PDB file of N, CA and C in Angstrom:
ATOM      1  N   MET A   1    -111.664  -4.979  -3.282  1.00  0.00           N
ATOM      2  CA  MET A   1    -110.677  -5.910  -2.781  1.00  0.00           C
ATOM      3  C   MET A   1    -111.137  -6.546  -1.468  1.00  0.00           C
ATOM      4  N   ILE A   2    -111.605  -5.726  -0.543  1.00  0.00           N
ATOM      5  CA  ILE A   2    -112.069  -6.232   0.747  1.00  0.00           C
ATOM      6  C   ILE A   2    -113.311  -7.095   0.559  1.00  0.00           C
ATOM      7  N   GLU A   3    -114.160  -6.701  -0.350  1.00  0.00           N
ATOM      8  CA  GLU A   3    -115.367  -7.492  -0.605  1.00  0.00           C
ATOM      9  C   GLU A   3    -115.008  -8.872  -1.163  1.00  0.00           C
ATOM     10  N   ARG A   4    -113.997  -8.900  -1.994  1.00  0.00           N
ATOM     11  CA  ARG A   4    -113.554 -10.181  -2.561  1.00  0.00           C
ATOM     12  C   ARG A   4    -113.006 -11.102  -1.471  1.00  0.00           C
ATOM     13  N   ILE A   5    -112.213 -10.573  -0.536  1.00  0.00           N
ATOM     14  CA  ILE A   5    -111.669 -11.364   0.572  1.00  0.00           C
ATOM     15  C   ILE A   5    -112.807 -11.869   1.454  1.00  0.00           C
ATOM     16  N   GLN A   6    -113.763 -10.990   1.725  1.00  0.00           N
ATOM     17  CA  GLN A   6    -114.909 -11.397   2.545  1.00  0.00           C
ATOM     18  C   GLN A   6    -115.703 -12.500   1.860  1.00  0.00           C
ATOM     19  N   ALA A   7    -115.841 -12.429   0.559  1.00  0.00           N
ATOM     20  CA  ALA A   7    -116.571 -13.459  -0.179  1.00  0.00           C
ATOM     21  C   ALA A   7    -115.834 -14.796  -0.118  1.00  0.00           C
ATOM     22  N   VAL A   8    -114.507 -14.770  -0.234  1.00  0.00           N
ATOM     23  CA  VAL A   8    -113.714 -16.005  -0.162  1.00  0.00           C
ATOM     24  C   VAL A   8    -113.853 -16.613   1.226  1.00  0.00           C
ATOM     25  N   LEU A   9    -113.758 -15.790   2.269  1.00  0.00           N
ATOM     26  CA  LEU A   9    -113.895 -16.291   3.636  1.00  0.00           C
ATOM     27  C   LEU A   9    -115.298 -16.843   3.887  1.00  0.00           C
ATOM     28  N   ARG A  10    -116.308 -16.174   3.338  1.00  0.00           N
ATOM     29  CA  ARG A  10    -117.674 -16.647   3.512  1.00  0.00           C
ATOM     30  C   ARG A  10    -117.874 -17.997   2.829  1.00  0.00           C
ATOM     31  N   ASP A  11    -117.331 -18.158   1.646  1.00  0.00           N
ATOM     32  CA  ASP A  11    -117.441 -19.429   0.927  1.00  0.00           C
ATOM     33  C   ASP A  11    -116.689 -20.542   1.668  1.00  0.00           C
ATOM     34  N   ARG A  12    -115.534 -20.196   2.184  1.00  0.00           N
ATOM     35  CA  ARG A  12    -114.736 -21.184   2.911  1.00  0.00           C
ATOM     36  C   ARG A  12    -115.469 -21.621   4.179  1.00  0.00           C
ATOM     37  N   LYS A  13    -116.092 -20.682   4.841  1.00  0.00           N
ATOM     38  CA  LYS A  13    -116.816 -20.986   6.083  1.00  0.00           C
ATOM     39  C   LYS A  13    -117.988 -21.929   5.793  1.00  0.00           C
ATOM     40  N   GLN A  14    -118.649 -21.770   4.710  1.00  0.00           N
ATOM     41  CA  GLN A  14    -119.786 -22.618   4.366  1.00  0.00           C
ATOM     42  C   GLN A  14    -119.339 -24.036   4.010  1.00  0.00           C
ATOM     43  N   ASP A  15    -118.125 -24.186   3.481  1.00  0.00           N
ATOM     44  CA  ASP A  15    -117.629 -25.497   3.092  1.00  0.00           C
ATOM     45  C   ASP A  15    -117.123 -26.322   4.275  1.00  0.00           C
ATOM     46  N   ASP A  16    -116.696 -25.664   5.364  1.00  0.00           N
ATOM     47  CA  ASP A  16    -116.184 -26.381   6.534  1.00  0.00           C
ATOM     48  C   ASP A  16    -117.344 -26.981   7.314  1.00  0.00           C
ATOM     49  N   LYS A  17    -117.398 -28.318   7.339  1.00  0.00           N
ATOM     50  CA  LYS A  17    -118.480 -28.982   8.046  1.00  0.00           C
ATOM     51  C   LYS A  17    -117.977 -29.920   9.129  1.00  0.00           C
ATOM     52  N   GLY A  18    -116.678 -29.988   9.382  1.00  0.00           N
ATOM     53  CA  GLY A  18    -116.141 -30.876  10.401  1.00  0.00           C
ATOM     54  C   GLY A  18    -114.661 -31.104  10.197  1.00  0.00           C
ATOM     55  N   PHE A  19    -114.153 -32.083  10.926  1.00  0.00           N
ATOM     56  CA  PHE A  19    -112.732 -32.402  10.844  1.00  0.00           C
ATOM     57  C   PHE A  19    -112.471 -33.336   9.668  1.00  0.00           C
ATOM     58  N   SER A  20    -111.309 -33.199   9.105  1.00  0.00           N
ATOM     59  CA  SER A  20    -110.946 -34.097   8.012  1.00  0.00           C
ATOM     60  C   SER A  20    -110.509 -35.445   8.598  1.00  0.00           C
ATOM     61  N   LEU A  21    -110.464 -36.435   7.755  1.00  0.00           N
ATOM     62  CA  LEU A  21    -110.079 -37.774   8.180  1.00  0.00           C
ATOM     63  C   LEU A  21    -108.640 -37.793   8.691  1.00  0.00           C
ATOM     64  N   ILE A  22    -107.774 -37.020   8.085  1.00  0.00           N
ATOM     65  CA  ILE A  22    -106.367 -36.974   8.519  1.00  0.00           C
ATOM     66  C   ILE A  22    -106.266 -36.338   9.897  1.00  0.00           C
ATOM     67  N   GLU A  23    -107.014 -35.286  10.162  1.00  0.00           N
ATOM     68  CA  GLU A  23    -106.989 -34.657  11.484  1.00  0.00           C
ATOM     69  C   GLU A  23    -107.444 -35.639  12.559  1.00  0.00           C
ATOM     70  N   LEU A  24    -108.494 -36.377  12.285  1.00  0.00           N
ATOM     71  CA  LEU A  24    -108.979 -37.369  13.247  1.00  0.00           C
ATOM     72  C   LEU A  24    -107.959 -38.488  13.451  1.00  0.00           C
ATOM     73  N   ALA A  25    -107.322 -38.923  12.388  1.00  0.00           N
ATOM     74  CA  ALA A  25    -106.317 -39.975  12.498  1.00  0.00           C
ATOM     75  C   ALA A  25    -105.127 -39.502  13.337  1.00  0.00           C
ATOM     76  N   ILE A  26    -104.708 -38.265  13.164  1.00  0.00           N
ATOM     77  CA  ILE A  26    -103.592 -37.727  13.946  1.00  0.00           C
ATOM     78  C   ILE A  26    -103.950 -37.681  15.424  1.00  0.00           C
ATOM     79  N   VAL A  27    -105.164 -37.266  15.743  1.00  0.00           N
ATOM     80  CA  VAL A  27    -105.609 -37.219  17.140  1.00  0.00           C
ATOM     81  C   VAL A  27    -105.607 -38.625  17.743  1.00  0.00           C
ATOM     82  N   ILE A  28    -106.084 -39.603  17.002  1.00  0.00           N
ATOM     83  CA  ILE A  28    -106.118 -40.982  17.502  1.00  0.00           C
ATOM     84  C   ILE A  28    -104.700 -41.507  17.719  1.00  0.00           C
ATOM     85  N   VAL A  29    -103.780 -41.210  16.838  1.00  0.00           N
ATOM     86  CA  VAL A  29    -102.383 -41.639  16.991  1.00  0.00           C
ATOM     87  C   VAL A  29    -101.758 -40.992  18.224  1.00  0.00           C
ATOM     88  N   VAL A  30    -101.997 -39.712  18.437  1.00  0.00           N
ATOM     89  CA  VAL A  30    -101.445 -39.018  19.604  1.00  0.00           C
ATOM     90  C   VAL A  30    -102.008 -39.615  20.894  1.00  0.00           C
ATOM     91  N   ILE A  31    -103.299 -39.882  20.930  1.00  0.00           N
ATOM     92  CA  ILE A  31    -103.908 -40.505  22.118  1.00  0.00           C
ATOM     93  C   ILE A  31    -103.303 -41.886  22.344  1.00  0.00           C
ATOM     94  N   GLY A  32    -103.103 -42.644  21.286  1.00  0.00           N
ATOM     95  CA  GLY A  32    -102.488 -43.972  21.414  1.00  0.00           C
ATOM     96  C   GLY A  32    -101.077 -43.893  21.978  1.00  0.00           C
ATOM     97  N   ILE A  33    -100.305 -42.921  21.549  1.00  0.00           N
ATOM     98  CA  ILE A  33     -98.942 -42.754  22.071  1.00  0.00           C
ATOM     99  C   ILE A  33     -98.993 -42.404  23.559  1.00  0.00           C
ATOM    100  N   LEU A  34     -99.881 -41.506  23.941  1.00  0.00           N
ATOM    101  CA  LEU A  34    -100.003 -41.134  25.355  1.00  0.00           C
ATOM    102  C   LEU A  34    -100.409 -42.327  26.217  1.00  0.00           C
ATOM    103  N   VAL A  35    -101.314 -43.143  25.722  1.00  0.00           N
ATOM    104  CA  VAL A  35    -101.733 -44.334  26.471  1.00  0.00           C
ATOM    105  C   VAL A  35    -100.578 -45.330  26.581  1.00  0.00           C
ATOM    106  N   ALA A  36     -99.823 -45.484  25.508  1.00  0.00           N
ATOM    107  CA  ALA A  36     -98.678 -46.411  25.524  1.00  0.00           C
ATOM    108  C   ALA A  36     -97.619 -45.969  26.533  1.00  0.00           C
ATOM    109  N   ILE A  37     -97.505 -44.682  26.756  1.00  0.00           N
ATOM    110  CA  ILE A  37     -96.561 -44.178  27.758  1.00  0.00           C
ATOM    111  C   ILE A  37     -97.140 -44.322  29.160  1.00  0.00           C
ATOM    112  N   ALA A  38     -98.416 -44.065  29.316  1.00  0.00           N
ATOM    113  CA  ALA A  38     -99.046 -44.018  30.638  1.00  0.00           C
ATOM    114  C   ALA A  38     -99.214 -45.397  31.276  1.00  0.00           C
ATOM    115  N   ILE A  39     -99.498 -46.426  30.521  1.00  0.00           N
ATOM    116  CA  ILE A  39     -99.771 -47.752  31.099  1.00  0.00           C
ATOM    117  C   ILE A  39     -98.549 -48.326  31.826  1.00  0.00           C
ATOM    118  N   PRO A  40     -97.352 -48.332  31.253  1.00  0.00           N
ATOM    119  CA  PRO A  40     -96.202 -48.850  32.010  1.00  0.00           C
ATOM    120  C   PRO A  40     -95.893 -48.019  33.267  1.00  0.00           C
ATOM    121  N   VAL A  41     -96.072 -46.712  33.175  1.00  0.00           N
ATOM    122  CA  VAL A  41     -95.835 -45.860  34.341  1.00  0.00           C
ATOM    123  C   VAL A  41     -96.816 -46.214  35.449  1.00  0.00           C
ATOM    124  N   PHE A  42     -98.072 -46.399  35.091  1.00  0.00           N
ATOM    125  CA  PHE A  42     -99.084 -46.734  36.086  1.00  0.00           C
ATOM    126  C   PHE A  42     -98.811 -48.088  36.731  1.00  0.00           C
ATOM    127  N   THR A  43     -98.437 -49.076  35.943  1.00  0.00           N
ATOM    128  CA  THR A  43     -98.192 -50.401  36.516  1.00  0.00           C
ATOM    129  C   THR A  43     -96.974 -50.401  37.433  1.00  0.00           C
ATOM    130  N   SER A  44     -95.945 -49.617  37.101  1.00  0.00           N
ATOM    131  CA  SER A  44     -94.788 -49.549  37.996  1.00  0.00           C
ATOM    132  C   SER A  44     -95.150 -48.835  39.293  1.00  0.00           C
ATOM    133  N   LEU A  45     -96.012 -47.830  39.220  1.00  0.00           N
ATOM    134  CA  LEU A  45     -96.452 -47.146  40.433  1.00  0.00           C
ATOM    135  C   LEU A  45     -97.263 -48.085  41.316  1.00  0.00           C
ATOM    136  N   ALA A  46     -98.089 -48.909  40.707  1.00  0.00           N
ATOM    137  CA  ALA A  46     -98.882 -49.862  41.480  1.00  0.00           C
ATOM    138  C   ALA A  46     -97.976 -50.883  42.168  1.00  0.00           C
ATOM    139  N   GLY A  47     -96.946 -51.345  41.476  1.00  0.00           N
ATOM    140  CA  GLY A  47     -95.995 -52.283  42.079  1.00  0.00           C
ATOM    141  C   GLY A  47     -95.224 -51.652  43.228  1.00  0.00           C
ATOM    142  N   ASN A  48     -94.833 -50.395  43.053  1.00  0.00           N
ATOM    143  CA  ASN A  48     -94.127 -49.686  44.119  1.00  0.00           C
ATOM    144  C   ASN A  48     -95.027 -49.502  45.337  1.00  0.00           C
ATOM    145  N   ALA A  49     -96.289 -49.219  45.109  1.00  0.00           N
ATOM    146  CA  ALA A  49     -97.224 -49.040  46.224  1.00  0.00           C
ATOM    147  C   ALA A  49     -97.416 -50.344  46.993  1.00  0.00           C
ATOM    148  N   GLU A  50     -97.494 -51.457  46.272  1.00  0.00           N
ATOM    149  CA  GLU A  50     -97.645 -52.762  46.929  1.00  0.00           C
ATOM    150  C   GLU A  50     -96.405 -53.087  47.768  1.00  0.00           C
ATOM    151  N   GLU A  51     -95.234 -52.819  47.216  1.00  0.00           N
ATOM    152  CA  GLU A  51     -93.992 -53.072  47.951  1.00  0.00           C
ATOM    153  C   GLU A  51     -93.917 -52.194  49.209  1.00  0.00           C
ATOM    154  N   ALA A  52     -94.320 -50.950  49.092  1.00  0.00           N
ATOM    155  CA  ALA A  52     -94.317 -50.049  50.243  1.00  0.00           C
ATOM    156  C   ALA A  52     -95.295 -50.514  51.313  1.00  0.00           C
ATOM    157  N   GLN A  53     -96.440 -51.047  50.895  1.00  0.00           N
ATOM    158  CA  GLN A  53     -97.424 -51.559  51.852  1.00  0.00           C
ATOM    159  C   GLN A  53     -96.858 -52.748  52.628  1.00  0.00           C
ATOM    160  N   LEU A  54     -96.150 -53.631  51.949  1.00  0.00           N
ATOM    161  CA  LEU A  54     -95.557 -54.790  52.615  1.00  0.00           C
ATOM    162  C   LEU A  54     -94.462 -54.365  53.600  1.00  0.00           C
ATOM    163  N   LYS A  55     -93.626 -53.402  53.179  1.00  0.00           N
ATOM    164  CA  LYS A  55     -92.578 -52.916  54.071  1.00  0.00           C
ATOM    165  C   LYS A  55     -93.161 -52.207  55.287  1.00  0.00           C
ATOM    166  N   ALA A  56     -94.231 -51.459  55.084  1.00  0.00           N
ATOM    167  CA  ALA A  56     -94.876 -50.765  56.197  1.00  0.00           C
ATOM    168  C   ALA A  56     -95.463 -51.768  57.187  1.00  0.00           C
ATOM    169  N   ALA A  57     -96.060 -52.839  56.684  1.00  0.00           N
ATOM    170  CA  ALA A  57     -96.624 -53.865  57.569  1.00  0.00           C
ATOM    171  C   ALA A  57     -95.509 -54.538  58.365  1.00  0.00           C
ATOM    172  N   ALA A  58     -94.367 -54.799  57.729  1.00  0.00           N
ATOM    173  CA  ALA A  58     -93.237 -55.410  58.434  1.00  0.00           C
ATOM    174  C   ALA A  58     -92.701 -54.471  59.516  1.00  0.00           C
ATOM    175  N   SER A  59     -92.600 -53.203  59.177  1.00  0.00           N
ATOM    176  CA  SER A  59     -92.102 -52.229  60.143  1.00  0.00           C
ATOM    177  C   SER A  59     -93.069 -52.066  61.320  1.00  0.00           C
ATOM    178  N   ASN A  60     -94.361 -51.987  61.026  1.00  0.00           N
ATOM    179  CA  ASN A  60     -95.362 -51.888  62.091  1.00  0.00           C
ATOM    180  C   ASN A  60     -95.359 -53.133  62.966  1.00  0.00           C
ATOM    181  N   GLY A  61     -95.219 -54.283  62.342  1.00  0.00           N
ATOM    182  CA  GLY A  61     -95.166 -55.535  63.098  1.00  0.00           C
ATOM    183  C   GLY A  61     -93.942 -55.598  63.995  1.00  0.00           C
ATOM    184  N   ALA A  62     -92.791 -55.152  63.483  1.00  0.00           N
ATOM    185  CA  ALA A  62     -91.564 -55.160  64.281  1.00  0.00           C
ATOM    186  C   ALA A  62     -91.696 -54.224  65.480  1.00  0.00           C
ATOM    187  N   SER A  63     -92.290 -53.067  65.260  1.00  0.00           N
ATOM    188  CA  SER A  63     -92.510 -52.132  66.373  1.00  0.00           C
ATOM    189  C   SER A  63     -93.454 -52.731  67.410  1.00  0.00           C
ATOM    190  N   MET A  64     -94.504 -53.385  66.923  1.00  0.00           N
ATOM    191  CA  MET A  64     -95.475 -54.002  67.831  1.00  0.00           C
ATOM    192  C   MET A  64     -94.810 -55.116  68.655  1.00  0.00           C
ATOM    193  N   VAL A  65     -94.026 -55.955  68.004  1.00  0.00           N
ATOM    194  CA  VAL A  65     -93.360 -57.061  68.703  1.00  0.00           C
ATOM    195  C   VAL A  65     -92.346 -56.515  69.705  1.00  0.00           C
ATOM    196  N   ALA A  66     -91.557 -55.516  69.306  1.00  0.00           N
ATOM    197  CA  ALA A  66     -90.542 -54.957  70.199  1.00  0.00           C
ATOM    198  C   ALA A  66     -91.180 -54.350  71.442  1.00  0.00           C
ATOM    199  N   SER A  67     -92.257 -53.595  71.268  1.00  0.00           N
ATOM    200  CA  SER A  67     -92.897 -52.987  72.439  1.00  0.00           C
ATOM    201  C   SER A  67     -93.546 -54.048  73.325  1.00  0.00           C
ATOM    202  N   GLU A  68     -94.126 -55.072  72.717  1.00  0.00           N
ATOM    203  CA  GLU A  68     -94.755 -56.146  73.503  1.00  0.00           C
ATOM    204  C   GLU A  68     -93.701 -56.944  74.279  1.00  0.00           C
ATOM    205  N   LEU A  69     -92.593 -57.269  73.634  1.00  0.00           N
ATOM    206  CA  LEU A  69     -91.544 -58.032  74.314  1.00  0.00           C
ATOM    207  C   LEU A  69     -90.839 -57.197  75.385  1.00  0.00           C
ATOM    208  N   ALA A  70     -90.740 -55.889  75.162  1.00  0.00           N
ATOM    209  CA  ALA A  70     -90.126 -55.021  76.176  1.00  0.00           C
ATOM    210  C   ALA A  70     -91.025 -54.913  77.401  1.00  0.00           C
ATOM    211  N   ALA A  71     -92.331 -54.840  77.176  1.00  0.00           N
ATOM    212  CA  ALA A  71     -93.284 -54.714  78.286  1.00  0.00           C
ATOM    213  C   ALA A  71     -93.525 -56.051  78.980  1.00  0.00           C
ATOM    214  N   ASN A  72     -93.594 -57.123  78.216  1.00  0.00           N
ATOM    215  CA  ASN A  72     -93.887 -58.458  78.737  1.00  0.00           C
ATOM    216  C   ASN A  72     -92.877 -59.453  78.164  1.00  0.00           C
ATOM    217  N   PRO A  73     -91.706 -59.601  78.767  1.00  0.00           N
ATOM    218  CA  PRO A  73     -90.664 -60.471  78.201  1.00  0.00           C
ATOM    219  C   PRO A  73     -91.066 -61.934  78.062  1.00  0.00           C
ATOM    220  N   GLY A  74     -92.037 -62.400  78.796  1.00  0.00           N
ATOM    221  CA  GLY A  74     -92.415 -63.809  78.721  1.00  0.00           C
ATOM    222  C   GLY A  74     -93.555 -64.088  77.765  1.00  0.00           C
ATOM    223  N   THR A  75     -93.853 -63.172  76.861  1.00  0.00           N
ATOM    224  CA  THR A  75     -94.965 -63.348  75.928  1.00  0.00           C
ATOM    225  C   THR A  75     -94.711 -64.553  75.020  1.00  0.00           C
ATOM    226  N   ALA A  76     -95.741 -65.374  74.866  1.00  0.00           N
ATOM    227  CA  ALA A  76     -95.619 -66.579  74.032  1.00  0.00           C
ATOM    228  C   ALA A  76     -95.625 -66.208  72.551  1.00  0.00           C
ATOM    229  N   LEU A  77     -94.966 -67.022  71.755  1.00  0.00           N
ATOM    230  CA  LEU A  77     -94.890 -66.800  70.309  1.00  0.00           C
ATOM    231  C   LEU A  77     -96.275 -66.802  69.668  1.00  0.00           C
ATOM    232  N   ALA A  78     -97.137 -67.692  70.106  1.00  0.00           N
ATOM    233  CA  ALA A  78     -98.496 -67.771  69.559  1.00  0.00           C
ATOM    234  C   ALA A  78     -99.269 -66.483  69.836  1.00  0.00           C
ATOM    235  N   ASP A  79     -99.071 -65.890  71.032  1.00  0.00           N
ATOM    236  CA  ASP A  79     -99.755 -64.637  71.363  1.00  0.00           C
ATOM    237  C   ASP A  79     -99.263 -63.494  70.473  1.00  0.00           C
ATOM    238  N   LEU A  80     -97.972 -63.467  70.213  1.00  0.00           N
ATOM    239  CA  LEU A  80     -97.430 -62.430  69.328  1.00  0.00           C
ATOM    240  C   LEU A  80     -97.987 -62.564  67.913  1.00  0.00           C
ATOM    241  N   ASN A  81     -98.033 -63.793  67.400  1.00  0.00           N
ATOM    242  CA  ASN A  81     -98.563 -64.002  66.048  1.00  0.00           C
ATOM    243  C   ASN A  81    -100.046 -63.675  65.969  1.00  0.00           C
ATOM    244  N   THR A  82    -100.783 -63.908  67.059  1.00  0.00           N
ATOM    245  CA  THR A  82    -102.202 -63.548  67.085  1.00  0.00           C
ATOM    246  C   THR A  82    -102.358 -62.034  66.998  1.00  0.00           C
ATOM    247  N   LYS A  83    -101.528 -61.291  67.735  1.00  0.00           N
ATOM    248  CA  LYS A  83    -101.590 -59.827  67.675  1.00  0.00           C
ATOM    249  C   LYS A  83    -101.181 -59.306  66.305  1.00  0.00           C
ATOM    250  N   LEU A  84    -100.210 -59.950  65.686  1.00  0.00           N
ATOM    251  CA  LEU A  84     -99.762 -59.523  64.358  1.00  0.00           C
ATOM    252  C   LEU A  84    -100.807 -59.789  63.283  1.00  0.00           C
ATOM    253  N   ALA A  85    -101.719 -60.693  63.526  1.00  0.00           N
ATOM    254  CA  ALA A  85    -102.765 -61.000  62.540  1.00  0.00           C
ATOM    255  C   ALA A  85    -103.633 -59.780  62.257  1.00  0.00           C
ATOM    256  N   GLY A  86    -103.649 -58.810  63.183  1.00  0.00           N
ATOM    257  CA  GLY A  86    -104.418 -57.586  62.962  1.00  0.00           C
ATOM    258  C   GLY A  86    -103.846 -56.708  61.867  1.00  0.00           C
ATOM    259  N   LEU A  87    -102.623 -56.956  61.443  1.00  0.00           N
ATOM    260  CA  LEU A  87    -102.000 -56.164  60.380  1.00  0.00           C
ATOM    261  C   LEU A  87    -102.350 -56.673  58.981  1.00  0.00           C
ATOM    262  N   VAL A  88    -103.030 -57.807  58.886  1.00  0.00           N
ATOM    263  CA  VAL A  88    -103.378 -58.390  57.590  1.00  0.00           C
ATOM    264  C   VAL A  88    -104.455 -57.536  56.928  1.00  0.00           C
ATOM    265  N   ALA A  89    -104.142 -57.020  55.732  1.00  0.00           N
ATOM    266  CA  ALA A  89    -105.101 -56.211  54.972  1.00  0.00           C
ATOM    267  C   ALA A  89    -104.624 -56.095  53.527  1.00  0.00           C
ATOM    268  N   ASP A  90    -105.549 -56.048  52.613  1.00  0.00           N
ATOM    269  CA  ASP A  90    -105.278 -55.830  51.192  1.00  0.00           C
ATOM    270  C   ASP A  90    -104.216 -56.810  50.658  1.00  0.00           C
ATOM    271  N   LYS A  91    -103.016 -56.362  50.327  1.00  0.00           N
ATOM    272  CA  LYS A  91    -101.974 -57.231  49.759  1.00  0.00           C
ATOM    273  C   LYS A  91    -101.192 -57.984  50.830  1.00  0.00           C
ATOM    274  N   VAL A  92    -101.375 -57.613  52.092  1.00  0.00           N
ATOM    275  CA  VAL A  92    -100.672 -58.282  53.188  1.00  0.00           C
ATOM    276  C   VAL A  92    -101.518 -59.478  53.612  1.00  0.00           C
ATOM    277  N   THR A  93    -101.047 -60.693  53.304  1.00  0.00           N
ATOM    278  CA  THR A  93    -101.836 -61.895  53.609  1.00  0.00           C
ATOM    279  C   THR A  93    -101.419 -62.567  54.903  1.00  0.00           C
ATOM    280  N   SER A  94    -100.167 -62.352  55.336  1.00  0.00           N
ATOM    281  CA  SER A  94     -99.727 -62.953  56.598  1.00  0.00           C
ATOM    282  C   SER A  94     -98.584 -62.145  57.192  1.00  0.00           C
ATOM    283  N   VAL A  95     -98.609 -62.013  58.523  1.00  0.00           N
ATOM    284  CA  VAL A  95     -97.532 -61.344  59.254  1.00  0.00           C
ATOM    285  C   VAL A  95     -97.185 -62.255  60.423  1.00  0.00           C
ATOM    286  N   THR A  96     -95.946 -62.736  60.491  1.00  0.00           N
ATOM    287  CA  THR A  96     -95.547 -63.667  61.559  1.00  0.00           C
ATOM    288  C   THR A  96     -94.202 -63.252  62.142  1.00  0.00           C
ATOM    289  N   VAL A  97     -93.960 -63.701  63.379  1.00  0.00           N
ATOM    290  CA  VAL A  97     -92.672 -63.471  64.039  1.00  0.00           C
ATOM    291  C   VAL A  97     -92.058 -64.840  64.317  1.00  0.00           C
ATOM    292  N   ASP A  98     -90.724 -64.943  64.254  1.00  0.00           N
ATOM    293  CA  ASP A  98     -90.084 -66.250  64.361  1.00  0.00           C
ATOM    294  C   ASP A  98     -89.676 -66.656  65.773  1.00  0.00           C
ATOM    295  N   ASN A  99     -89.401 -65.701  66.659  1.00  0.00           N
ATOM    296  CA  ASN A  99     -89.063 -66.078  68.032  1.00  0.00           C
ATOM    297  C   ASN A  99     -89.381 -64.944  68.998  1.00  0.00           C
ATOM    298  N   THR A 100     -89.211 -65.182  70.294  1.00  0.00           N
ATOM    299  CA  THR A 100     -89.580 -64.200  71.314  1.00  0.00           C
ATOM    300  C   THR A 100     -88.368 -63.531  71.954  1.00  0.00           C
ATOM    301  N   ASP A 101     -87.221 -63.614  71.328  1.00  0.00           N
ATOM    302  CA  ASP A 101     -86.025 -62.952  71.847  1.00  0.00           C
ATOM    303  C   ASP A 101     -86.012 -61.511  71.327  1.00  0.00           C
ATOM    304  N   LEU A 102     -86.034 -60.539  72.234  1.00  0.00           N
ATOM    305  CA  LEU A 102     -86.097 -59.134  71.853  1.00  0.00           C
ATOM    306  C   LEU A 102     -84.920 -58.718  70.972  1.00  0.00           C
ATOM    307  N   ALA A 103     -83.776 -59.325  71.162  1.00  0.00           N
ATOM    308  CA  ALA A 103     -82.591 -58.958  70.391  1.00  0.00           C
ATOM    309  C   ALA A 103     -82.451 -59.737  69.089  1.00  0.00           C
ATOM    310  N   ASP A 104     -83.336 -60.718  68.846  1.00  0.00           N
ATOM    311  CA  ASP A 104     -83.130 -61.584  67.687  1.00  0.00           C
ATOM    312  C   ASP A 104     -84.434 -62.030  67.024  1.00  0.00           C
ATOM    313  N   PHE A 105     -85.476 -61.207  67.040  1.00  0.00           N
ATOM    314  CA  PHE A 105     -86.720 -61.605  66.366  1.00  0.00           C
ATOM    315  C   PHE A 105     -86.737 -61.051  64.943  1.00  0.00           C
ATOM    316  N   CYS A 106     -87.561 -61.668  64.109  1.00  0.00           N
ATOM    317  CA  CYS A 106     -87.722 -61.217  62.720  1.00  0.00           C
ATOM    318  C   CYS A 106     -89.200 -61.319  62.351  1.00  0.00           C
ATOM    319  N   VAL A 107     -89.779 -60.203  61.973  1.00  0.00           N
ATOM    320  CA  VAL A 107     -91.171 -60.184  61.524  1.00  0.00           C
ATOM    321  C   VAL A 107     -91.165 -60.377  60.018  1.00  0.00           C
ATOM    322  N   SER A 108     -91.920 -61.355  59.550  1.00  0.00           N
ATOM    323  CA  SER A 108     -91.972 -61.701  58.130  1.00  0.00           C
ATOM    324  C   SER A 108     -93.369 -61.434  57.587  1.00  0.00           C
ATOM    325  N   VAL A 109     -93.438 -60.792  56.431  1.00  0.00           N
ATOM    326  CA  VAL A 109     -94.720 -60.480  55.785  1.00  0.00           C
ATOM    327  C   VAL A 109     -94.836 -61.309  54.513  1.00  0.00           C
ATOM    328  N   ASN A 110     -95.984 -61.960  54.340  1.00  0.00           N
ATOM    329  CA  ASN A 110     -96.260 -62.787  53.157  1.00  0.00           C
ATOM    330  C   ASN A 110     -95.160 -63.820  52.908  1.00  0.00           C
ATOM    331  N   GLY A 111     -94.746 -64.488  53.959  1.00  0.00           N
ATOM    332  CA  GLY A 111     -93.769 -65.565  53.832  1.00  0.00           C
ATOM    333  C   GLY A 111     -92.363 -65.112  53.474  1.00  0.00           C
ATOM    334  N   GLY A 112     -91.992 -63.904  53.827  1.00  0.00           N
ATOM    335  CA  GLY A 112     -90.628 -63.437  53.594  1.00  0.00           C
ATOM    336  C   GLY A 112     -90.493 -62.388  52.519  1.00  0.00           C
ATOM    337  N   THR A 113     -91.598 -61.927  51.954  1.00  0.00           N
ATOM    338  CA  THR A 113     -91.533 -60.893  50.929  1.00  0.00           C
ATOM    339  C   THR A 113     -90.926 -59.615  51.499  1.00  0.00           C
ATOM    340  N   ALA A 114     -91.284 -59.293  52.739  1.00  0.00           N
ATOM    341  CA  ALA A 114     -90.694 -58.148  53.443  1.00  0.00           C
ATOM    342  C   ALA A 114     -90.409 -58.612  54.876  1.00  0.00           C
ATOM    343  N   GLU A 115     -89.248 -58.233  55.393  1.00  0.00           N
ATOM    344  CA  GLU A 115     -88.862 -58.635  56.745  1.00  0.00           C
ATOM    345  C   GLU A 115     -88.312 -57.434  57.494  1.00  0.00           C
ATOM    346  N   LYS A 116     -88.523 -57.434  58.807  1.00  0.00           N
ATOM    347  CA  LYS A 116     -88.018 -56.348  59.635  1.00  0.00           C
ATOM    348  C   LYS A 116     -87.774 -56.860  61.036  1.00  0.00           C
ATOM    349  N   GLY A 117     -86.702 -56.443  61.639  1.00  0.00           N
ATOM    350  CA  GLY A 117     -86.371 -56.821  62.997  1.00  0.00           C
ATOM    351  C   GLY A 117     -84.886 -57.051  63.135  1.00  0.00           C
ATOM    352  N   PRO A 118     -84.394 -57.127  64.361  1.00  0.00           N
ATOM    353  CA  PRO A 118     -82.945 -57.283  64.568  1.00  0.00           C
ATOM    354  C   PRO A 118     -82.392 -58.636  64.110  1.00  0.00           C
ATOM    355  N   GLY A 119     -83.235 -59.648  63.984  1.00  0.00           N
ATOM    356  CA  GLY A 119     -82.747 -60.971  63.596  1.00  0.00           C
ATOM    357  C   GLY A 119     -82.879 -61.275  62.115  1.00  0.00           C
ATOM    358  N   CYS A 120     -83.230 -60.312  61.321  1.00  0.00           N
ATOM    359  CA  CYS A 120     -83.436 -60.571  59.884  1.00  0.00           C
ATOM    360  C   CYS A 120     -82.153 -60.443  59.091  1.00  0.00           C
TER     361      CYS A 120
END
């Protein structure tokens, strides 16, 4: 009896030479489903990261303008915008301030995509 089982297993082992077509098709379908789920998640994460970068630039610009205006109340608008140009990087193409009033300035990033300050 044991010899017969061993013979069947030995014959079966010799016949197995790889994966069947159905097994490969199932693996490809599963990978396709995982990719279909992962791509929208990745693109939403990339959009969230870009939005966070713009908000961070606006916040940094507002802090920079507030400290500059507190230290030097007569700072010219052009000088403030020149200093804010240092915040331009990657998705941030422009950072500008609209006026030199400490209580009413607004720092704008990429033409208003993100804004920060008491006057916004």
